[in-house]
Amino acid sequence: MDSGIERAQTARTIIGTLATLWLLYASPFQGSATDLAKNKFGEIFINTGILLVAGPLALAGFVLAARPPVRRLYGRRLIAPVTGFCALFGCPALLWFLFRYVIGGGATAASPYAGHSTGNPATAPHLWERPGDPASPTTADIA
């Protein structure tokens, strides 16, 4: 890497660190560090929600504002990013569903795992175990 680029990156990092420290020092916040962390977390949560709504709306606006011959091309090019975006939210949602209703034993779960969650991962039933099924292998059989 060029030494000029390295110096510029180092300077940018130092300036960014100093600016962050200055903002923390100059902040008029008078509460505790816990209150500051809670407020910042709340700001991040609100800003994320705004971006989740405004981002797709802005993209849809750009696609709709494009000339008709190019509009379909832009729409087709959005399929992969939208799929990735949905996967980012779909995977945690799927995990929540599995732990809530399949493994964790939700109130209405029609699952053999319902009600068997002990809170201890070492004693929790595994996906290959079916409680009450004599043909199901146990942890000792698999290990």
Foldseek 3Di string as FASTA:
>chain_A
DDVVVVVVVVVVVVVVVVVVVVCVVPDPDDDDPVVVVVVVVVVVVVVVVVCVVVVVVVLVVVLVPDDVVCSVVSVVVCPVVVVVVCVVVVVVVVVCCCCAAEQVAHPPHPYQNHPQDPVDVVPGADPQDRPPDPPGDGPVRVD
